[in-house]
N, C-alpha and C. Protein backbone atom coordinates (compact mmCIF):
# COMPACT_ATOMS: atom_id res chain seq x y z
N MET A 1 -12.13 -6.39 19.42
CA MET A 1 -11.53 -5.31 18.69
C MET A 1 -12.30 -4.04 18.97
N ARG A 2 -11.62 -2.93 19.20
CA ARG A 2 -12.35 -1.71 19.48
C ARG A 2 -11.56 -0.52 18.96
N ILE A 3 -12.26 0.50 18.59
CA ILE A 3 -11.61 1.71 18.14
C ILE A 3 -11.18 2.49 19.36
N LEU A 4 -9.88 2.78 19.45
CA LEU A 4 -9.35 3.44 20.63
C LEU A 4 -9.46 4.95 20.51
N PHE A 5 -8.94 5.47 19.44
CA PHE A 5 -9.06 6.90 19.23
C PHE A 5 -8.65 7.22 17.81
N SER A 6 -8.97 8.42 17.38
CA SER A 6 -8.68 8.84 16.01
C SER A 6 -7.78 10.06 16.04
N LEU A 7 -6.69 9.98 15.30
CA LEU A 7 -5.78 11.11 15.20
C LEU A 7 -5.57 11.45 13.74
N GLY A 8 -4.93 12.57 13.50
CA GLY A 8 -4.63 12.98 12.13
C GLY A 8 -3.74 11.98 11.45
N ILE A 9 -3.88 11.89 10.14
CA ILE A 9 -3.14 10.89 9.38
C ILE A 9 -1.65 11.09 9.50
N SER A 10 -1.19 12.32 9.39
CA SER A 10 0.25 12.55 9.42
C SER A 10 0.85 12.17 10.75
N VAL A 11 0.05 12.17 11.81
CA VAL A 11 0.56 11.83 13.14
C VAL A 11 0.52 10.33 13.36
N MET A 12 -0.64 9.70 13.10
CA MET A 12 -0.80 8.30 13.46
C MET A 12 -0.34 7.34 12.36
N LEU A 13 -0.78 7.57 11.13
CA LEU A 13 -0.47 6.61 10.08
C LEU A 13 0.70 7.05 9.21
N ALA A 14 0.90 8.34 9.08
CA ALA A 14 1.88 8.85 8.12
C ALA A 14 1.69 8.15 6.80
N ALA A 15 0.44 7.98 6.42
CA ALA A 15 0.15 7.24 5.20
C ALA A 15 -1.14 7.73 4.60
N CYS A 16 -1.15 7.87 3.28
CA CYS A 16 -2.38 8.01 2.54
C CYS A 16 -3.24 9.18 2.94
N LYS A 17 -2.69 10.37 2.99
CA LYS A 17 -3.53 11.52 3.28
C LYS A 17 -4.66 11.58 2.28
N PRO A 18 -5.92 11.68 2.75
CA PRO A 18 -7.03 11.69 1.79
C PRO A 18 -6.98 12.94 0.93
N VAL A 19 -7.03 12.73 -0.36
CA VAL A 19 -7.06 13.84 -1.30
C VAL A 19 -8.19 13.58 -2.26
N SER A 20 -8.40 14.49 -3.15
CA SER A 20 -9.45 14.27 -4.14
C SER A 20 -9.14 13.01 -4.94
N ALA A 21 -10.09 12.12 -5.02
CA ALA A 21 -9.87 10.84 -5.69
C ALA A 21 -9.58 11.06 -7.16
N GLN A 22 -8.70 10.24 -7.71
CA GLN A 22 -8.43 10.28 -9.13
C GLN A 22 -9.66 9.78 -9.88
N GLU A 23 -9.73 10.14 -11.15
CA GLU A 23 -10.87 9.69 -11.95
C GLU A 23 -10.84 8.17 -12.07
N PHE A 24 -11.95 7.53 -11.74
CA PHE A 24 -12.03 6.08 -11.84
C PHE A 24 -12.10 5.68 -13.31
N VAL A 25 -11.36 4.64 -13.68
CA VAL A 25 -11.30 4.22 -15.07
C VAL A 25 -11.80 2.79 -15.18
N PRO A 26 -13.10 2.59 -15.36
CA PRO A 26 -13.65 1.23 -15.38
C PRO A 26 -13.26 0.44 -16.63
N GLU A 27 -13.00 1.13 -17.74
CA GLU A 27 -12.66 0.44 -18.98
C GLU A 27 -11.38 1.02 -19.56
N PRO A 28 -10.22 0.65 -18.97
CA PRO A 28 -8.97 1.18 -19.49
C PRO A 28 -8.67 0.65 -20.88
N ALA A 29 -7.65 1.23 -21.49
CA ALA A 29 -7.37 0.95 -22.89
C ALA A 29 -7.16 -0.52 -23.18
N ARG A 30 -6.35 -1.20 -22.37
CA ARG A 30 -6.07 -2.61 -22.65
C ARG A 30 -5.44 -3.27 -21.45
N SER A 31 -5.49 -4.58 -21.46
CA SER A 31 -4.89 -5.36 -20.39
C SER A 31 -3.50 -5.82 -20.81
N VAL A 32 -2.70 -6.20 -19.82
CA VAL A 32 -1.36 -6.69 -20.10
C VAL A 32 -1.19 -8.06 -19.46
N THR A 33 -0.18 -8.77 -19.91
CA THR A 33 0.09 -10.10 -19.39
C THR A 33 0.59 -10.02 -17.95
N VAL A 34 0.13 -10.95 -17.14
CA VAL A 34 0.52 -10.99 -15.74
C VAL A 34 1.37 -12.23 -15.50
N ALA A 35 2.51 -12.06 -14.85
CA ALA A 35 3.36 -13.19 -14.50
C ALA A 35 2.60 -14.14 -13.58
N GLU A 36 2.89 -15.43 -13.70
CA GLU A 36 2.16 -16.43 -12.91
C GLU A 36 2.24 -16.14 -11.42
N ASP A 37 3.43 -15.79 -10.94
CA ASP A 37 3.59 -15.54 -9.51
C ASP A 37 2.77 -14.36 -9.02
N ALA A 38 2.52 -13.41 -9.93
CA ALA A 38 1.80 -12.20 -9.54
C ALA A 38 0.29 -12.30 -9.71
N LYS A 39 -0.19 -13.33 -10.39
CA LYS A 39 -1.62 -13.43 -10.66
C LYS A 39 -2.47 -13.42 -9.39
N PRO A 40 -2.09 -14.15 -8.33
CA PRO A 40 -2.92 -14.10 -7.12
C PRO A 40 -3.01 -12.70 -6.52
N LEU A 41 -1.91 -11.95 -6.56
CA LEU A 41 -1.92 -10.62 -5.97
C LEU A 41 -2.75 -9.66 -6.82
N VAL A 42 -2.63 -9.75 -8.12
CA VAL A 42 -3.43 -8.88 -8.99
C VAL A 42 -4.91 -9.17 -8.80
N ALA A 43 -5.26 -10.45 -8.75
CA ALA A 43 -6.67 -10.81 -8.55
C ALA A 43 -7.16 -10.32 -7.20
N ALA A 44 -6.34 -10.46 -6.17
CA ALA A 44 -6.74 -10.01 -4.84
C ALA A 44 -6.90 -8.49 -4.81
N ALA A 45 -6.00 -7.78 -5.47
CA ALA A 45 -6.11 -6.32 -5.52
C ALA A 45 -7.36 -5.90 -6.28
N ARG A 46 -7.65 -6.59 -7.39
CA ARG A 46 -8.85 -6.25 -8.15
C ARG A 46 -10.10 -6.49 -7.30
N SER A 47 -10.08 -7.50 -6.46
CA SER A 47 -11.24 -7.77 -5.62
C SER A 47 -11.49 -6.65 -4.62
N ARG A 48 -10.43 -5.90 -4.27
CA ARG A 48 -10.59 -4.76 -3.37
C ARG A 48 -11.48 -3.69 -3.99
N LEU A 49 -11.52 -3.63 -5.32
CA LEU A 49 -12.33 -2.61 -6.00
C LEU A 49 -13.82 -2.84 -5.80
N LYS A 50 -14.19 -4.05 -5.39
CA LYS A 50 -15.60 -4.36 -5.15
C LYS A 50 -16.00 -4.14 -3.69
N SER A 51 -15.04 -3.75 -2.87
CA SER A 51 -15.29 -3.60 -1.44
C SER A 51 -15.75 -2.18 -1.12
N LEU A 52 -16.75 -2.08 -0.28
CA LEU A 52 -17.22 -0.78 0.19
C LEU A 52 -16.39 -0.40 1.41
N VAL A 53 -15.45 0.50 1.21
CA VAL A 53 -14.54 0.90 2.28
C VAL A 53 -14.56 2.42 2.41
N VAL A 54 -14.82 2.89 3.60
CA VAL A 54 -14.75 4.32 3.87
C VAL A 54 -13.33 4.65 4.32
N TYR A 55 -12.73 5.66 3.72
CA TYR A 55 -11.38 6.06 4.11
C TYR A 55 -11.44 6.55 5.56
N ASP A 56 -10.73 5.85 6.42
CA ASP A 56 -10.77 6.18 7.85
C ASP A 56 -9.42 5.82 8.45
N PRO A 57 -8.64 6.82 8.88
CA PRO A 57 -7.30 6.56 9.43
C PRO A 57 -7.29 6.36 10.94
N SER A 58 -8.43 6.09 11.53
CA SER A 58 -8.49 5.94 12.99
C SER A 58 -7.54 4.85 13.49
N TYR A 59 -6.97 5.09 14.65
CA TYR A 59 -6.16 4.07 15.32
C TYR A 59 -7.11 3.03 15.90
N VAL A 60 -6.85 1.77 15.57
CA VAL A 60 -7.73 0.70 16.00
C VAL A 60 -6.92 -0.42 16.64
N GLY A 61 -7.34 -0.89 17.79
CA GLY A 61 -6.73 -2.06 18.38
C GLY A 61 -7.20 -3.31 17.65
N ILE A 62 -6.26 -4.11 17.15
CA ILE A 62 -6.63 -5.28 16.35
C ILE A 62 -5.97 -6.54 16.91
N ASP A 63 -6.48 -7.69 16.47
CA ASP A 63 -5.92 -8.96 16.89
C ASP A 63 -4.50 -9.12 16.33
N TYR A 64 -3.79 -10.10 16.86
CA TYR A 64 -2.46 -10.43 16.35
C TYR A 64 -2.24 -11.93 16.52
N PRO A 65 -1.73 -12.62 15.50
CA PRO A 65 -1.47 -12.14 14.14
C PRO A 65 -2.75 -12.09 13.31
N ASN A 66 -2.60 -11.77 12.03
CA ASN A 66 -3.70 -11.70 11.08
C ASN A 66 -4.80 -10.75 11.52
N GLY A 67 -4.43 -9.70 12.24
CA GLY A 67 -5.42 -8.71 12.64
C GLY A 67 -5.79 -7.79 11.50
N ASP A 68 -6.97 -7.21 11.60
CA ASP A 68 -7.43 -6.27 10.58
C ASP A 68 -8.40 -5.29 11.21
N VAL A 69 -8.43 -4.09 10.67
CA VAL A 69 -9.43 -3.12 11.08
C VAL A 69 -10.77 -3.57 10.49
N PRO A 70 -11.89 -3.00 10.93
CA PRO A 70 -13.18 -3.39 10.35
C PRO A 70 -13.17 -3.31 8.83
N ALA A 71 -13.84 -4.26 8.19
CA ALA A 71 -13.79 -4.39 6.73
C ALA A 71 -14.29 -3.17 6.00
N THR A 72 -15.10 -2.36 6.62
CA THR A 72 -15.67 -1.20 5.96
C THR A 72 -14.82 0.06 6.12
N MET A 73 -13.65 -0.07 6.75
CA MET A 73 -12.76 1.08 6.89
C MET A 73 -11.36 0.71 6.44
N GLY A 74 -10.57 1.72 6.11
CA GLY A 74 -9.20 1.44 5.72
C GLY A 74 -8.54 2.63 5.06
N VAL A 75 -7.23 2.49 4.81
CA VAL A 75 -6.45 3.51 4.12
C VAL A 75 -5.62 2.81 3.04
N CYS A 76 -4.65 3.52 2.47
CA CYS A 76 -3.92 2.94 1.34
C CYS A 76 -3.17 1.68 1.74
N THR A 77 -2.57 1.67 2.91
CA THR A 77 -1.81 0.49 3.32
C THR A 77 -2.69 -0.74 3.46
N ASP A 78 -3.96 -0.54 3.81
CA ASP A 78 -4.85 -1.69 3.99
C ASP A 78 -5.15 -2.39 2.67
N VAL A 79 -5.10 -1.67 1.56
CA VAL A 79 -5.24 -2.32 0.25
C VAL A 79 -4.11 -3.32 0.05
N VAL A 80 -2.90 -2.92 0.39
CA VAL A 80 -1.74 -3.80 0.24
C VAL A 80 -1.80 -4.94 1.24
N ILE A 81 -2.09 -4.64 2.50
CA ILE A 81 -2.14 -5.66 3.55
C ILE A 81 -3.18 -6.72 3.21
N ARG A 82 -4.37 -6.29 2.87
CA ARG A 82 -5.46 -7.24 2.59
C ARG A 82 -5.21 -8.03 1.32
N SER A 83 -4.62 -7.39 0.32
CA SER A 83 -4.36 -8.09 -0.94
C SER A 83 -3.29 -9.16 -0.77
N LEU A 84 -2.20 -8.84 -0.06
CA LEU A 84 -1.16 -9.84 0.17
C LEU A 84 -1.68 -11.00 1.01
N ARG A 85 -2.53 -10.70 1.96
CA ARG A 85 -3.08 -11.75 2.81
C ARG A 85 -3.99 -12.68 2.01
N LYS A 86 -4.83 -12.10 1.16
CA LYS A 86 -5.73 -12.91 0.36
C LYS A 86 -4.99 -13.70 -0.71
N ALA A 87 -3.97 -13.08 -1.31
CA ALA A 87 -3.25 -13.71 -2.42
C ALA A 87 -2.38 -14.86 -1.97
N TYR A 88 -1.64 -14.65 -0.88
CA TYR A 88 -0.61 -15.62 -0.49
C TYR A 88 -0.73 -16.11 0.95
N GLY A 89 -1.74 -15.63 1.67
CA GLY A 89 -1.81 -15.94 3.08
C GLY A 89 -0.67 -15.29 3.85
N PHE A 90 -0.13 -14.22 3.30
CA PHE A 90 1.03 -13.54 3.88
C PHE A 90 0.57 -12.41 4.78
N ASP A 91 0.97 -12.44 6.03
CA ASP A 91 0.52 -11.49 7.04
C ASP A 91 1.57 -10.41 7.26
N LEU A 92 1.38 -9.25 6.64
CA LEU A 92 2.32 -8.15 6.82
C LEU A 92 2.37 -7.68 8.26
N GLN A 93 1.28 -7.79 8.97
CA GLN A 93 1.28 -7.38 10.37
C GLN A 93 2.35 -8.15 11.15
N GLN A 94 2.32 -9.45 11.05
CA GLN A 94 3.29 -10.27 11.78
C GLN A 94 4.69 -10.10 11.23
N ALA A 95 4.82 -10.05 9.91
CA ALA A 95 6.14 -9.93 9.30
C ALA A 95 6.83 -8.63 9.69
N VAL A 96 6.10 -7.53 9.61
CA VAL A 96 6.69 -6.23 9.98
C VAL A 96 6.98 -6.19 11.47
N HIS A 97 6.06 -6.70 12.28
CA HIS A 97 6.27 -6.67 13.73
C HIS A 97 7.52 -7.45 14.13
N GLU A 98 7.68 -8.64 13.58
CA GLU A 98 8.82 -9.46 13.96
C GLU A 98 10.14 -8.82 13.53
N ASP A 99 10.15 -8.20 12.33
CA ASP A 99 11.39 -7.57 11.89
C ASP A 99 11.67 -6.30 12.70
N MET A 100 10.64 -5.54 13.00
CA MET A 100 10.84 -4.34 13.79
C MET A 100 11.29 -4.66 15.21
N LYS A 101 10.77 -5.74 15.75
CA LYS A 101 11.14 -6.13 17.11
C LYS A 101 12.63 -6.43 17.21
N GLU A 102 13.17 -7.02 16.15
CA GLU A 102 14.58 -7.38 16.15
C GLU A 102 15.48 -6.26 15.62
N ASN A 103 14.89 -5.32 14.89
CA ASN A 103 15.70 -4.29 14.23
C ASN A 103 15.03 -2.93 14.34
N PHE A 104 14.60 -2.58 15.53
CA PHE A 104 13.78 -1.38 15.72
C PHE A 104 14.48 -0.12 15.20
N SER A 105 15.77 -0.02 15.39
CA SER A 105 16.49 1.19 15.00
C SER A 105 16.58 1.36 13.48
N ALA A 106 16.30 0.30 12.73
CA ALA A 106 16.36 0.39 11.27
C ALA A 106 15.14 1.08 10.69
N TYR A 107 14.11 1.24 11.50
CA TYR A 107 12.84 1.80 11.02
C TYR A 107 12.74 3.28 11.36
N PRO A 108 11.92 4.01 10.60
CA PRO A 108 11.83 5.47 10.81
C PRO A 108 11.35 5.83 12.22
N ALA A 109 11.97 6.83 12.79
CA ALA A 109 11.57 7.33 14.11
C ALA A 109 10.70 8.57 13.91
N LEU A 110 9.55 8.36 13.27
CA LEU A 110 8.69 9.48 12.89
C LEU A 110 7.56 9.75 13.87
N TRP A 111 7.33 8.83 14.78
CA TRP A 111 6.14 8.93 15.62
C TRP A 111 6.46 8.98 17.11
N GLY A 112 7.72 9.09 17.43
CA GLY A 112 8.12 9.21 18.82
C GLY A 112 7.97 7.95 19.63
N HIS A 113 7.82 6.82 18.96
CA HIS A 113 7.67 5.55 19.67
C HIS A 113 9.03 4.99 20.08
N THR A 114 9.04 4.31 21.19
CA THR A 114 10.27 3.66 21.65
C THR A 114 10.15 2.15 21.61
N ARG A 115 9.04 1.66 21.09
CA ARG A 115 8.83 0.22 20.97
C ARG A 115 7.83 -0.03 19.84
N THR A 116 7.70 -1.28 19.48
CA THR A 116 6.79 -1.63 18.39
C THR A 116 5.34 -1.52 18.85
N ASP A 117 4.47 -1.40 17.85
CA ASP A 117 3.03 -1.35 18.10
C ASP A 117 2.35 -2.23 17.05
N LYS A 118 1.91 -3.41 17.44
CA LYS A 118 1.34 -4.38 16.52
C LYS A 118 0.05 -3.90 15.87
N ASN A 119 -0.57 -2.88 16.44
CA ASN A 119 -1.81 -2.37 15.88
C ASN A 119 -1.61 -1.48 14.67
N ILE A 120 -0.46 -0.84 14.57
CA ILE A 120 -0.32 0.23 13.59
C ILE A 120 0.96 0.19 12.77
N ASP A 121 2.01 -0.46 13.24
CA ASP A 121 3.31 -0.38 12.54
C ASP A 121 3.21 -0.78 11.07
N HIS A 122 2.49 -1.85 10.78
CA HIS A 122 2.39 -2.35 9.41
C HIS A 122 1.46 -1.50 8.54
N ARG A 123 0.74 -0.58 9.15
CA ARG A 123 -0.19 0.28 8.40
C ARG A 123 0.44 1.64 8.09
N ARG A 124 1.74 1.76 8.29
CA ARG A 124 2.44 3.00 8.00
C ARG A 124 3.36 2.81 6.80
N VAL A 125 3.17 3.64 5.79
CA VAL A 125 3.93 3.49 4.55
C VAL A 125 5.44 3.51 4.77
N PRO A 126 6.00 4.46 5.54
CA PRO A 126 7.46 4.44 5.71
C PRO A 126 7.98 3.14 6.29
N ASN A 127 7.22 2.51 7.17
CA ASN A 127 7.64 1.22 7.71
C ASN A 127 7.63 0.14 6.64
N LEU A 128 6.60 0.16 5.78
CA LEU A 128 6.54 -0.84 4.71
C LEU A 128 7.69 -0.63 3.73
N GLU A 129 8.04 0.61 3.46
CA GLU A 129 9.16 0.87 2.56
C GLU A 129 10.45 0.25 3.10
N ILE A 130 10.68 0.43 4.39
CA ILE A 130 11.89 -0.13 5.00
C ILE A 130 11.81 -1.66 5.02
N TYR A 131 10.65 -2.19 5.36
CA TYR A 131 10.51 -3.65 5.44
C TYR A 131 10.78 -4.29 4.07
N PHE A 132 10.12 -3.79 3.02
CA PHE A 132 10.31 -4.38 1.70
C PHE A 132 11.77 -4.28 1.26
N MET A 133 12.41 -3.16 1.55
CA MET A 133 13.82 -2.99 1.19
C MET A 133 14.70 -3.97 1.96
N ARG A 134 14.42 -4.13 3.25
CA ARG A 134 15.22 -5.05 4.06
C ARG A 134 15.06 -6.49 3.59
N MET A 135 13.91 -6.81 3.03
CA MET A 135 13.66 -8.15 2.55
C MET A 135 14.20 -8.36 1.13
N GLY A 136 14.85 -7.35 0.58
CA GLY A 136 15.41 -7.46 -0.76
C GLY A 136 14.37 -7.45 -1.86
N GLN A 137 13.23 -6.82 -1.60
CA GLN A 137 12.13 -6.82 -2.56
C GLN A 137 12.03 -5.50 -3.33
N ASP A 138 13.01 -4.61 -3.14
CA ASP A 138 12.96 -3.32 -3.82
C ASP A 138 13.55 -3.43 -5.22
N LEU A 139 13.02 -2.62 -6.10
CA LEU A 139 13.43 -2.57 -7.50
C LEU A 139 13.78 -1.12 -7.86
N PRO A 140 14.49 -0.92 -8.98
CA PRO A 140 14.84 0.45 -9.38
C PRO A 140 13.60 1.30 -9.62
N ILE A 141 13.72 2.56 -9.28
CA ILE A 141 12.67 3.55 -9.58
C ILE A 141 13.03 4.20 -10.90
N THR A 142 12.18 4.07 -11.89
CA THR A 142 12.45 4.63 -13.21
C THR A 142 11.22 5.40 -13.70
N LYS A 143 11.37 6.03 -14.84
CA LYS A 143 10.26 6.71 -15.49
C LYS A 143 9.72 5.91 -16.67
N ASP A 144 10.18 4.67 -16.78
CA ASP A 144 9.73 3.80 -17.87
C ASP A 144 8.55 2.96 -17.39
N PRO A 145 7.36 3.18 -17.92
CA PRO A 145 6.19 2.44 -17.45
C PRO A 145 6.32 0.93 -17.62
N LYS A 146 7.14 0.49 -18.57
CA LYS A 146 7.29 -0.94 -18.81
C LYS A 146 7.98 -1.65 -17.64
N ASN A 147 8.64 -0.90 -16.79
CA ASN A 147 9.33 -1.51 -15.64
C ASN A 147 8.40 -1.80 -14.48
N TYR A 148 7.18 -1.31 -14.55
CA TYR A 148 6.21 -1.49 -13.46
C TYR A 148 5.22 -2.57 -13.87
N LYS A 149 5.43 -3.76 -13.33
CA LYS A 149 4.67 -4.92 -13.74
C LYS A 149 3.43 -5.11 -12.86
N PRO A 150 2.39 -5.77 -13.40
CA PRO A 150 1.21 -6.04 -12.59
C PRO A 150 1.58 -6.76 -11.30
N GLY A 151 1.04 -6.27 -10.20
CA GLY A 151 1.33 -6.85 -8.89
C GLY A 151 2.46 -6.16 -8.16
N ASP A 152 3.24 -5.34 -8.86
CA ASP A 152 4.28 -4.58 -8.17
C ASP A 152 3.63 -3.61 -7.18
N ILE A 153 4.36 -3.30 -6.13
CA ILE A 153 3.89 -2.34 -5.13
C ILE A 153 4.72 -1.07 -5.29
N VAL A 154 4.05 0.07 -5.29
CA VAL A 154 4.73 1.35 -5.49
C VAL A 154 4.35 2.28 -4.35
N ALA A 155 5.32 3.06 -3.89
CA ALA A 155 5.09 4.06 -2.85
C ALA A 155 5.43 5.44 -3.39
N TRP A 156 4.74 6.44 -2.90
CA TRP A 156 4.92 7.82 -3.34
C TRP A 156 4.94 8.76 -2.14
N ARG A 157 5.34 10.00 -2.42
CA ARG A 157 5.02 11.14 -1.59
C ARG A 157 4.13 12.03 -2.43
N LEU A 158 2.96 12.31 -1.92
CA LEU A 158 1.95 13.00 -2.71
C LEU A 158 2.27 14.49 -2.81
N ASP A 159 3.16 14.81 -3.75
CA ASP A 159 3.62 16.18 -3.90
C ASP A 159 3.41 16.73 -5.30
N GLY A 160 2.69 15.95 -6.15
CA GLY A 160 2.48 16.41 -7.52
C GLY A 160 3.77 16.62 -8.28
N ASN A 161 4.81 15.87 -7.88
CA ASN A 161 6.14 15.98 -8.50
C ASN A 161 6.76 17.36 -8.32
N SER A 162 6.39 18.02 -7.24
CA SER A 162 6.96 19.33 -6.96
C SER A 162 8.36 19.24 -6.35
N GLY A 163 8.71 18.06 -5.85
CA GLY A 163 9.99 17.89 -5.20
C GLY A 163 9.98 18.30 -3.74
N GLU A 164 8.82 18.70 -3.25
CA GLU A 164 8.72 19.18 -1.87
C GLU A 164 8.35 18.08 -0.88
N GLY A 165 8.14 16.87 -1.37
CA GLY A 165 7.68 15.81 -0.49
C GLY A 165 6.21 15.99 -0.18
N GLY A 166 5.66 15.08 0.58
CA GLY A 166 4.24 15.15 0.90
C GLY A 166 3.83 13.91 1.64
N PRO A 167 2.54 13.73 1.89
CA PRO A 167 2.07 12.55 2.60
C PRO A 167 2.47 11.27 1.87
N ALA A 168 2.79 10.26 2.63
CA ALA A 168 3.18 8.97 2.04
C ALA A 168 1.95 8.24 1.53
N HIS A 169 2.15 7.48 0.46
CA HIS A 169 1.04 6.76 -0.17
C HIS A 169 1.59 5.47 -0.76
N ILE A 170 0.73 4.48 -0.94
CA ILE A 170 1.18 3.20 -1.49
C ILE A 170 0.03 2.54 -2.25
N GLY A 171 0.38 1.76 -3.27
CA GLY A 171 -0.65 1.08 -4.06
C GLY A 171 -0.04 -0.09 -4.83
N ILE A 172 -0.89 -0.77 -5.59
CA ILE A 172 -0.51 -1.96 -6.34
C ILE A 172 -0.72 -1.73 -7.83
N VAL A 173 0.26 -2.09 -8.63
CA VAL A 173 0.15 -1.92 -10.08
C VAL A 173 -0.89 -2.88 -10.63
N SER A 174 -1.80 -2.35 -11.42
CA SER A 174 -2.88 -3.12 -12.04
C SER A 174 -2.38 -3.88 -13.26
N ASP A 175 -3.23 -4.73 -13.79
CA ASP A 175 -2.95 -5.45 -15.04
C ASP A 175 -3.57 -4.73 -16.24
N ARG A 176 -3.94 -3.48 -16.04
CA ARG A 176 -4.56 -2.70 -17.11
C ARG A 176 -3.82 -1.38 -17.29
N LEU A 177 -3.87 -0.89 -18.52
CA LEU A 177 -3.23 0.37 -18.85
C LEU A 177 -4.27 1.45 -19.01
N GLY A 178 -3.90 2.67 -18.63
CA GLY A 178 -4.79 3.80 -18.83
C GLY A 178 -4.62 4.36 -20.23
N VAL A 179 -5.35 5.42 -20.53
CA VAL A 179 -5.29 6.02 -21.86
C VAL A 179 -3.92 6.62 -22.14
N THR A 180 -3.15 6.90 -21.09
CA THR A 180 -1.79 7.42 -21.27
C THR A 180 -0.80 6.33 -21.67
N GLY A 181 -1.21 5.07 -21.53
CA GLY A 181 -0.30 3.96 -21.76
C GLY A 181 0.43 3.53 -20.51
N ASN A 182 0.22 4.25 -19.41
CA ASN A 182 0.84 3.89 -18.14
C ASN A 182 -0.02 2.87 -17.40
N PRO A 183 0.61 1.98 -16.63
CA PRO A 183 -0.17 1.04 -15.82
C PRO A 183 -1.05 1.80 -14.83
N LEU A 184 -2.26 1.32 -14.68
CA LEU A 184 -3.14 1.88 -13.66
C LEU A 184 -2.69 1.39 -12.28
N ILE A 185 -3.14 2.07 -11.25
CA ILE A 185 -2.79 1.73 -9.88
C ILE A 185 -4.07 1.45 -9.09
N ILE A 186 -4.05 0.36 -8.35
CA ILE A 186 -5.15 0.02 -7.44
C ILE A 186 -4.74 0.50 -6.06
N HIS A 187 -5.54 1.42 -5.50
CA HIS A 187 -5.12 2.08 -4.26
C HIS A 187 -6.33 2.74 -3.62
N ASN A 188 -6.11 3.27 -2.44
CA ASN A 188 -7.13 4.06 -1.74
C ASN A 188 -6.50 5.40 -1.40
N ILE A 189 -6.88 6.41 -2.13
CA ILE A 189 -6.30 7.73 -1.95
C ILE A 189 -7.27 8.69 -1.26
N GLY A 190 -8.38 8.17 -0.79
CA GLY A 190 -9.31 9.00 -0.05
C GLY A 190 -10.77 8.66 -0.29
N GLY A 191 -11.07 7.99 -1.38
CA GLY A 191 -12.46 7.69 -1.70
C GLY A 191 -12.77 6.21 -1.71
N GLY A 192 -11.96 5.42 -1.03
CA GLY A 192 -12.13 3.97 -1.08
C GLY A 192 -11.28 3.40 -2.20
N PRO A 193 -11.18 2.06 -2.28
CA PRO A 193 -10.35 1.44 -3.31
C PRO A 193 -10.78 1.87 -4.71
N GLU A 194 -9.82 2.22 -5.52
CA GLU A 194 -10.08 2.65 -6.89
C GLU A 194 -8.91 2.23 -7.77
N GLU A 195 -9.14 2.32 -9.06
CA GLU A 195 -8.11 2.02 -10.07
C GLU A 195 -7.95 3.27 -10.92
N SER A 196 -6.77 3.87 -10.88
CA SER A 196 -6.62 5.15 -11.57
C SER A 196 -5.22 5.32 -12.14
N ASP A 197 -5.11 6.27 -13.05
CA ASP A 197 -3.87 6.51 -13.79
C ASP A 197 -3.07 7.58 -13.07
N MET A 198 -2.27 7.16 -12.07
CA MET A 198 -1.53 8.13 -11.26
C MET A 198 -0.10 7.71 -11.00
N LEU A 199 0.40 6.70 -11.72
CA LEU A 199 1.72 6.16 -11.44
C LEU A 199 2.79 7.24 -11.39
N PHE A 200 2.79 8.13 -12.36
CA PHE A 200 3.82 9.16 -12.44
C PHE A 200 3.30 10.54 -12.03
N GLY A 201 2.20 10.56 -11.31
CA GLY A 201 1.61 11.83 -10.90
C GLY A 201 2.28 12.44 -9.69
N HIS A 202 3.05 11.64 -8.96
CA HIS A 202 3.72 12.11 -7.74
C HIS A 202 5.11 11.48 -7.67
N GLN A 203 5.90 11.98 -6.74
CA GLN A 203 7.26 11.46 -6.55
C GLN A 203 7.22 10.01 -6.08
N ILE A 204 7.78 9.11 -6.87
CA ILE A 204 7.87 7.71 -6.49
C ILE A 204 9.04 7.54 -5.53
N THR A 205 8.79 6.93 -4.39
CA THR A 205 9.83 6.72 -3.38
C THR A 205 10.16 5.25 -3.16
N GLY A 206 9.39 4.37 -3.77
CA GLY A 206 9.66 2.95 -3.61
C GLY A 206 8.98 2.13 -4.68
N HIS A 207 9.67 1.08 -5.12
CA HIS A 207 9.14 0.14 -6.12
C HIS A 207 9.54 -1.26 -5.66
N TYR A 208 8.54 -2.12 -5.47
CA TYR A 208 8.79 -3.42 -4.84
C TYR A 208 8.06 -4.52 -5.59
N ARG A 209 8.63 -5.72 -5.50
CA ARG A 209 7.98 -6.90 -6.05
C ARG A 209 7.94 -7.94 -4.93
N VAL A 210 6.76 -8.22 -4.44
CA VAL A 210 6.60 -9.08 -3.26
C VAL A 210 5.80 -10.31 -3.66
N VAL A 211 6.49 -11.45 -3.68
CA VAL A 211 5.82 -12.72 -4.00
C VAL A 211 6.22 -13.74 -2.94
N PRO A 212 5.59 -13.67 -1.77
CA PRO A 212 5.93 -14.63 -0.71
C PRO A 212 5.53 -16.04 -1.08
N GLU A 213 6.18 -16.98 -0.47
CA GLU A 213 5.79 -18.37 -0.65
C GLU A 213 4.48 -18.61 0.08
N ARG A 214 3.65 -19.45 -0.50
CA ARG A 214 2.40 -19.80 0.16
C ARG A 214 2.71 -20.63 1.41
N PRO A 215 1.94 -20.43 2.49
CA PRO A 215 2.19 -21.20 3.72
C PRO A 215 1.89 -22.68 3.51
């Protein structure tokens, strides 16, 4: 595995533009019940909070399947990729690659590519949004915090709800509530994995519930 080159986030990853990290909330107001199917994913996401990860959007050549960038680097998509892999043994790299290979035109043409790239396709938020939707894992986007259950995956455009759009971002709903009463989000928004109260801070563009069968 070797680092090939580093490009700007909007060009290479179109995911998780590093911004000022949200305030970390180590002791949120209260915990909520987690569905049995979601418990492995919530636990795996919480384990990401103990990982020392430097936000780094560099393009990296990785193994296939089950490839990963170095453990000490990552972006928002890597929180989701690593959590799903640990929770269910589910490899988003292979899943996204196989679906894109068969349905390339269904995916966003944002990067000028004419073919799949196993190193990066699964690490791009717009691709994950399409993949989860194609798999029937999308749920309604609402303003009701009760609809966002622990283990759900949420995608945003980081625009501060201005309606102007912004960099794509993705995270996992925590099993804890913030002082606002909203579910906290486990994500990497620029300062490494964190748990923060930002669910409704930006335009939500996707809401998904992913519970793959164990291999």
